[in-house]
C-alpha atoms as a PDB file:
ATOM      1  CA  MET A   1     -15.539 -20.285  -5.630  1.00  0.00           C
ATOM      2  CA  ASN A   2     -13.144 -22.458  -7.628  1.00  0.00           C
ATOM      3  CA  VAL A   3     -10.335 -20.323  -9.132  1.00  0.00           C
ATOM      4  CA  ASN A   4     -10.371 -22.488 -12.255  1.00  0.00           C
ATOM      5  CA  THR A   5     -14.004 -21.580 -12.969  1.00  0.00           C
ATOM      6  CA  ILE A   6     -14.273 -17.892 -12.108  1.00  0.00           C
ATOM      7  CA  THR A   7     -17.063 -16.357 -14.170  1.00  0.00           C
ATOM      8  CA  VAL A   8     -17.587 -12.806 -15.359  1.00  0.00           C
ATOM      9  CA  LYS A   9     -20.198 -12.460 -12.592  1.00  0.00           C
ATOM     10  CA  ASP A  10     -17.642 -13.617 -10.002  1.00  0.00           C
ATOM     11  CA  LEU A  11     -15.144 -11.039 -11.288  1.00  0.00           C
ATOM     12  CA  GLU A  12     -17.765  -8.314 -11.049  1.00  0.00           C
ATOM     13  CA  ILE A  13     -18.499  -9.284  -7.437  1.00  0.00           C
ATOM     14  CA  ILE A  14     -14.765  -9.283  -6.620  1.00  0.00           C
ATOM     15  CA  ARG A  15     -14.363  -5.853  -8.240  1.00  0.00           C
ATOM     16  CA  THR A  16     -17.390  -4.411  -6.447  1.00  0.00           C
ATOM     17  CA  ASP A  17     -16.416  -5.862  -3.068  1.00  0.00           C
ATOM     18  CA  GLY A  18     -12.831  -4.695  -3.531  1.00  0.00           C
ATOM     19  CA  LEU A  19     -13.857  -1.131  -4.292  1.00  0.00           C
ATOM     20  CA  LYS A  20     -16.226  -1.140  -1.307  1.00  0.00           C
ATOM     21  CA  ALA A  21     -13.433  -2.404   0.977  1.00  0.00           C
ATOM     22  CA  LEU A  22     -11.080   0.307  -0.276  1.00  0.00           C
ATOM     23  CA  LYS A  23     -13.718   2.996   0.204  1.00  0.00           C
ATOM     24  CA  ASP A  24     -14.633   1.738   3.679  1.00  0.00           C
ATOM     25  CA  LYS A  25     -10.998   1.597   4.812  1.00  0.00           C
ATOM     26  CA  LEU A  26      -9.487   4.610   3.021  1.00  0.00           C
ATOM     27  CA  GLY A  27     -12.436   6.869   2.319  1.00  0.00           C
ATOM     28  CA  ILE A  28     -13.371   8.004  -1.171  1.00  0.00           C
ATOM     29  CA  VAL A  29     -10.301  10.242  -1.656  1.00  0.00           C
ATOM     30  CA  GLY A  30      -7.916   7.577  -0.371  1.00  0.00           C
ATOM     31  CA  MET A  31      -9.560   4.969  -2.580  1.00  0.00           C
ATOM     32  CA  ILE A  32      -9.112   7.156  -5.650  1.00  0.00           C
ATOM     33  CA  LYS A  33      -5.486   7.920  -4.783  1.00  0.00           C
ATOM     34  CA  PHE A  34      -4.799   4.192  -4.261  1.00  0.00           C
ATOM     35  CA  ILE A  35      -6.334   3.278  -7.613  1.00  0.00           C
ATOM     36  CA  GLN A  36      -4.374   6.054  -9.353  1.00  0.00           C
ATOM     37  CA  MET A  37      -1.125   4.491  -8.103  1.00  0.00           C
ATOM     38  CA  TYR A  38      -1.747   1.533 -10.415  1.00  0.00           C
ATOM     39  CA  SER A  39      -1.738   2.118 -14.131  1.00  0.00           C
ATOM     40  CA  ASN A  40      -1.247   0.097 -17.260  1.00  0.00           C
ATOM     41  CA  GLY A  41       2.222   1.579 -17.525  1.00  0.00           C
ATOM     42  CA  GLN A  42       3.911   2.483 -20.731  1.00  0.00           C
ATOM     43  CA  GLY A  43       6.591   1.149 -22.993  1.00  0.00           C
ATOM     44  CA  ASP A  44       7.416  -2.423 -23.941  1.00  0.00           C
ATOM     45  CA  TYR A  45       8.570  -4.480 -20.956  1.00  0.00           C
ATOM     46  CA  THR A  46       9.860  -7.333 -23.124  1.00  0.00           C
ATOM     47  CA  GLU A  47      11.931  -5.018 -25.301  1.00  0.00           C
ATOM     48  CA  GLU A  48      13.279  -3.086 -22.316  1.00  0.00           C
ATOM     49  CA  ARG A  49      14.168  -6.319 -20.479  1.00  0.00           C
ATOM     50  CA  ALA A  50      15.956  -7.714 -23.543  1.00  0.00           C
ATOM     51  CA  GLU A  51      18.012  -4.517 -23.770  1.00  0.00           C
ATOM     52  CA  LEU A  52      18.814  -4.644 -20.060  1.00  0.00           C
ATOM     53  CA  ILE A  53      20.189  -8.203 -20.135  1.00  0.00           C
ATOM     54  CA  LYS A  54      21.587  -8.321 -23.677  1.00  0.00           C
ATOM     55  CA  ASP A  55      25.199  -8.626 -22.451  1.00  0.00           C
ATOM     56  CA  VAL A  56      24.518 -11.167 -19.685  1.00  0.00           C
ATOM     57  CA  THR A  57      25.951 -14.602 -20.408  1.00  0.00           C
ATOM     58  CA  ILE A  58      24.810 -17.927 -19.025  1.00  0.00           C
ATOM     59  CA  GLU A  59      27.994 -17.965 -16.957  1.00  0.00           C
ATOM     60  CA  ASP A  60      27.095 -14.574 -15.469  1.00  0.00           C
ATOM     61  CA  PHE A  61      23.692 -15.927 -14.569  1.00  0.00           C
ATOM     62  CA  GLU A  62      25.114 -19.127 -13.053  1.00  0.00           C
ATOM     63  CA  ASN A  63      27.566 -17.088 -10.964  1.00  0.00           C
ATOM     64  CA  TRP A  64      24.755 -14.832  -9.797  1.00  0.00           C
ATOM     65  CA  LEU A  65      22.724 -17.890  -8.782  1.00  0.00           C
ATOM     66  CA  LYS A  66      25.651 -19.224  -6.747  1.00  0.00           C
ATOM     67  CA  THR A  67      25.714 -16.015  -4.696  1.00  0.00           C
ATOM     68  CA  LYS A  68      21.994 -16.403  -3.891  1.00  0.00           C
ATOM     69  CA  GLY A  69      22.037 -19.916  -2.631  1.00  0.00           C
END
């Protein structure tokens, strides 16, 4: 399967096989609990991120990079 040409059918097979693997490994209750851990979330990530870094300057970012490398 070429990742550049995944079809709807391929995605359905991946979904089906993935659910089967979860059920086989975790049982039906564990599978459901695992799936419930992942949600679409809420809010606006872009807006929240912009608010979080609104006061960060390029110099702040460059200094932060220097501590990482």
